[in-house]
Amino acid sequence: MQTHIYDVSAPKKAVNLNANSDLIKTAKHVGVNLSQVFEAAVLTTVKARLEQLWLEESRGAIQDYNAHIEQQGVFAADKRRF
């Protein structure tokens, strides 16, 4: 089972970013690993965007399913003991 949304073994790639120079200086002074923070932040943002895209793409199917459940009920609901 795949647990990552990207190839974690892919080689690192240098990127050029712009950030507040004093913030970068302070982060380095307190020992913040900017590469790790960057990757973690990008991963969090990508996961959120993928979830948003899935919800947008699946909206119709979710609405259809919910309407079906409202009309027909949940399968074997009368057999449940909880």
N, C-alpha and C. Protein backbone atom coordinates (compact mmCIF):
# COMPACT_ATOMS: atom_id res chain seq x y z
N MET A 1 0.83 -1.19 0.00
CA MET A 1 0.00 0.00 0.00
C MET A 1 0.87 1.25 0.00
N GLN A 2 0.62 2.15 -0.90
CA GLN A 2 1.40 3.39 -0.99
C GLN A 2 0.96 4.34 0.11
N THR A 3 1.91 4.88 0.84
CA THR A 3 1.58 5.80 1.92
C THR A 3 1.99 7.23 1.61
N HIS A 4 2.61 7.44 0.47
CA HIS A 4 3.06 8.79 0.10
C HIS A 4 2.37 9.21 -1.19
N ILE A 5 2.19 10.51 -1.34
CA ILE A 5 1.56 11.03 -2.56
C ILE A 5 2.60 11.44 -3.59
N TYR A 6 3.85 11.19 -3.27
CA TYR A 6 4.94 11.50 -4.20
C TYR A 6 6.08 10.52 -3.96
N ASP A 7 7.02 10.49 -4.86
CA ASP A 7 8.16 9.58 -4.75
C ASP A 7 9.18 10.15 -3.76
N VAL A 8 9.20 9.62 -2.56
CA VAL A 8 10.09 10.14 -1.53
C VAL A 8 11.57 9.84 -1.82
N SER A 9 11.82 8.93 -2.75
CA SER A 9 13.21 8.61 -3.10
C SER A 9 13.72 9.44 -4.28
N ALA A 10 12.89 10.31 -4.82
CA ALA A 10 13.32 11.16 -5.93
C ALA A 10 14.45 12.07 -5.46
N PRO A 11 15.36 12.41 -6.36
CA PRO A 11 16.48 13.28 -5.95
C PRO A 11 15.99 14.68 -5.58
N LYS A 12 16.76 15.32 -4.75
CA LYS A 12 16.46 16.70 -4.34
C LYS A 12 16.73 17.64 -5.51
N LYS A 13 15.99 18.72 -5.57
CA LYS A 13 16.16 19.71 -6.62
C LYS A 13 16.26 21.08 -5.97
N ALA A 14 17.24 21.85 -6.36
CA ALA A 14 17.39 23.20 -5.83
C ALA A 14 16.26 24.08 -6.37
N VAL A 15 15.76 24.94 -5.49
CA VAL A 15 14.72 25.89 -5.90
C VAL A 15 15.13 27.28 -5.45
N ASN A 16 14.63 28.27 -6.13
CA ASN A 16 14.94 29.65 -5.81
C ASN A 16 13.69 30.29 -5.22
N LEU A 17 13.76 30.70 -3.97
CA LEU A 17 12.62 31.29 -3.28
C LEU A 17 12.96 32.68 -2.79
N ASN A 18 11.95 33.48 -2.61
CA ASN A 18 12.12 34.80 -2.01
C ASN A 18 11.42 34.79 -0.66
N ALA A 19 12.13 35.25 0.36
CA ALA A 19 11.56 35.33 1.70
C ALA A 19 12.19 36.50 2.43
N ASN A 20 11.54 36.92 3.47
CA ASN A 20 12.04 38.01 4.29
C ASN A 20 13.42 37.65 4.83
N SER A 21 14.41 38.50 4.55
CA SER A 21 15.79 38.19 4.91
C SER A 21 15.99 38.07 6.42
N ASP A 22 15.30 38.90 7.20
CA ASP A 22 15.46 38.83 8.64
C ASP A 22 14.85 37.54 9.19
N LEU A 23 13.73 37.11 8.61
CA LEU A 23 13.12 35.86 9.03
C LEU A 23 14.07 34.69 8.75
N ILE A 24 14.69 34.69 7.58
CA ILE A 24 15.63 33.62 7.22
C ILE A 24 16.82 33.64 8.18
N LYS A 25 17.33 34.82 8.45
CA LYS A 25 18.47 34.96 9.37
C LYS A 25 18.10 34.41 10.76
N THR A 26 16.93 34.76 11.25
CA THR A 26 16.49 34.31 12.57
C THR A 26 16.27 32.80 12.58
N ALA A 27 15.67 32.28 11.53
CA ALA A 27 15.44 30.83 11.43
C ALA A 27 16.76 30.07 11.47
N LYS A 28 17.74 30.54 10.72
CA LYS A 28 19.04 29.89 10.72
C LYS A 28 19.70 30.00 12.08
N HIS A 29 19.55 31.16 12.72
CA HIS A 29 20.15 31.38 14.04
C HIS A 29 19.61 30.39 15.08
N VAL A 30 18.33 30.06 14.99
CA VAL A 30 17.73 29.14 15.98
C VAL A 30 17.76 27.69 15.52
N GLY A 31 18.41 27.44 14.38
CA GLY A 31 18.62 26.07 13.93
C GLY A 31 17.49 25.45 13.14
N VAL A 32 16.67 26.26 12.51
CA VAL A 32 15.58 25.74 11.69
C VAL A 32 16.15 25.22 10.37
N ASN A 33 15.79 24.00 10.02
CA ASN A 33 16.20 23.42 8.73
C ASN A 33 15.17 23.88 7.70
N LEU A 34 15.54 24.87 6.92
CA LEU A 34 14.60 25.47 5.97
C LEU A 34 14.12 24.49 4.92
N SER A 35 14.97 23.58 4.49
CA SER A 35 14.56 22.59 3.50
C SER A 35 13.45 21.69 4.05
N GLN A 36 13.61 21.25 5.30
CA GLN A 36 12.59 20.39 5.91
C GLN A 36 11.28 21.15 6.10
N VAL A 37 11.37 22.39 6.54
CA VAL A 37 10.17 23.20 6.75
C VAL A 37 9.47 23.44 5.42
N PHE A 38 10.25 23.74 4.39
CA PHE A 38 9.68 23.96 3.07
C PHE A 38 8.95 22.72 2.57
N GLU A 39 9.61 21.57 2.64
CA GLU A 39 8.98 20.33 2.17
C GLU A 39 7.71 20.01 2.95
N ALA A 40 7.76 20.18 4.26
CA ALA A 40 6.58 19.89 5.09
C ALA A 40 5.42 20.83 4.74
N ALA A 41 5.73 22.10 4.55
CA ALA A 41 4.69 23.07 4.22
C ALA A 41 4.10 22.81 2.84
N VAL A 42 4.94 22.48 1.87
CA VAL A 42 4.46 22.18 0.52
C VAL A 42 3.61 20.91 0.55
N LEU A 43 4.05 19.91 1.28
CA LEU A 43 3.29 18.66 1.38
C LEU A 43 1.90 18.91 1.99
N THR A 44 1.85 19.68 3.05
CA THR A 44 0.57 20.00 3.68
C THR A 44 -0.34 20.73 2.70
N THR A 45 0.20 21.67 1.96
CA THR A 45 -0.58 22.44 0.99
C THR A 45 -1.04 21.56 -0.17
N VAL A 46 -0.17 20.69 -0.66
CA VAL A 46 -0.53 19.80 -1.76
C VAL A 46 -1.63 18.83 -1.32
N LYS A 47 -1.51 18.25 -0.12
CA LYS A 47 -2.55 17.35 0.37
C LYS A 47 -3.90 18.05 0.46
N ALA A 48 -3.90 19.27 0.98
CA ALA A 48 -5.15 20.03 1.09
C ALA A 48 -5.74 20.31 -0.29
N ARG A 49 -4.89 20.66 -1.23
CA ARG A 49 -5.37 20.94 -2.60
C ARG A 49 -5.88 19.68 -3.27
N LEU A 50 -5.20 18.56 -3.09
CA LEU A 50 -5.68 17.30 -3.67
C LEU A 50 -7.03 16.90 -3.08
N GLU A 51 -7.19 17.11 -1.78
CA GLU A 51 -8.48 16.82 -1.15
C GLU A 51 -9.57 17.72 -1.71
N GLN A 52 -9.25 19.00 -1.87
CA GLN A 52 -10.21 19.95 -2.43
C GLN A 52 -10.60 19.55 -3.86
N LEU A 53 -9.62 19.18 -4.67
CA LEU A 53 -9.89 18.76 -6.04
C LEU A 53 -10.76 17.50 -6.07
N TRP A 54 -10.46 16.54 -5.18
CA TRP A 54 -11.25 15.32 -5.13
C TRP A 54 -12.70 15.63 -4.76
N LEU A 55 -12.88 16.50 -3.78
CA LEU A 55 -14.24 16.86 -3.38
C LEU A 55 -14.99 17.55 -4.51
N GLU A 56 -14.30 18.43 -5.24
CA GLU A 56 -14.93 19.11 -6.38
C GLU A 56 -15.31 18.10 -7.47
N GLU A 57 -14.39 17.18 -7.77
CA GLU A 57 -14.64 16.19 -8.82
C GLU A 57 -15.71 15.18 -8.41
N SER A 58 -15.84 14.94 -7.12
CA SER A 58 -16.75 13.91 -6.63
C SER A 58 -18.08 14.47 -6.12
N ARG A 59 -18.23 15.77 -6.18
CA ARG A 59 -19.42 16.41 -5.62
C ARG A 59 -20.71 15.79 -6.15
N GLY A 60 -20.81 15.58 -7.44
CA GLY A 60 -22.02 15.02 -8.04
C GLY A 60 -22.30 13.62 -7.52
N ALA A 61 -21.27 12.78 -7.47
CA ALA A 61 -21.44 11.41 -6.99
C ALA A 61 -21.84 11.40 -5.51
N ILE A 62 -21.25 12.28 -4.73
CA ILE A 62 -21.59 12.36 -3.31
C ILE A 62 -23.04 12.79 -3.13
N GLN A 63 -23.47 13.78 -3.91
CA GLN A 63 -24.86 14.22 -3.84
C GLN A 63 -25.81 13.11 -4.25
N ASP A 64 -25.47 12.39 -5.32
CA ASP A 64 -26.30 11.26 -5.76
C ASP A 64 -26.39 10.19 -4.68
N TYR A 65 -25.27 9.87 -4.07
CA TYR A 65 -25.25 8.85 -3.02
C TYR A 65 -26.11 9.28 -1.84
N ASN A 66 -25.94 10.53 -1.41
CA ASN A 66 -26.71 11.03 -0.28
C ASN A 66 -28.20 11.02 -0.59
N ALA A 67 -28.58 11.37 -1.81
CA ALA A 67 -29.99 11.34 -2.20
C ALA A 67 -30.51 9.90 -2.18
N HIS A 68 -29.71 8.97 -2.65
CA HIS A 68 -30.10 7.55 -2.64
C HIS A 68 -30.33 7.07 -1.20
N ILE A 69 -29.43 7.43 -0.30
CA ILE A 69 -29.56 7.03 1.11
C ILE A 69 -30.81 7.66 1.72
N GLU A 70 -31.10 8.90 1.38
CA GLU A 70 -32.30 9.56 1.90
C GLU A 70 -33.56 8.83 1.43
N GLN A 71 -33.57 8.41 0.17
CA GLN A 71 -34.74 7.76 -0.40
C GLN A 71 -34.84 6.29 0.01
N GLN A 72 -33.73 5.57 -0.04
CA GLN A 72 -33.74 4.12 0.17
C GLN A 72 -33.27 3.68 1.55
N GLY A 73 -32.59 4.55 2.25
CA GLY A 73 -32.01 4.16 3.53
C GLY A 73 -30.70 3.42 3.34
N VAL A 74 -30.07 3.07 4.43
CA VAL A 74 -28.80 2.36 4.41
C VAL A 74 -29.08 0.87 4.28
N PHE A 75 -28.30 0.18 3.47
CA PHE A 75 -28.47 -1.25 3.26
C PHE A 75 -28.50 -1.99 4.60
N ALA A 76 -29.51 -2.81 4.78
CA ALA A 76 -29.68 -3.67 5.94
C ALA A 76 -29.78 -2.90 7.25
N ALA A 77 -30.22 -1.64 7.19
CA ALA A 77 -30.34 -0.83 8.41
C ALA A 77 -31.27 -1.49 9.42
N ASP A 78 -32.29 -2.20 8.94
CA ASP A 78 -33.24 -2.84 9.84
C ASP A 78 -32.65 -4.06 10.53
N LYS A 79 -31.49 -4.50 10.09
CA LYS A 79 -30.83 -5.67 10.68
C LYS A 79 -29.80 -5.29 11.75
N ARG A 80 -29.47 -4.00 11.83
CA ARG A 80 -28.46 -3.57 12.79
C ARG A 80 -28.94 -3.73 14.22
N ARG A 81 -28.01 -4.01 15.09
CA ARG A 81 -28.32 -4.13 16.52
C ARG A 81 -27.67 -3.02 17.33
N PHE A 82 -27.20 -1.98 16.68
CA PHE A 82 -26.57 -0.86 17.38
C PHE A 82 -27.23 0.43 16.99
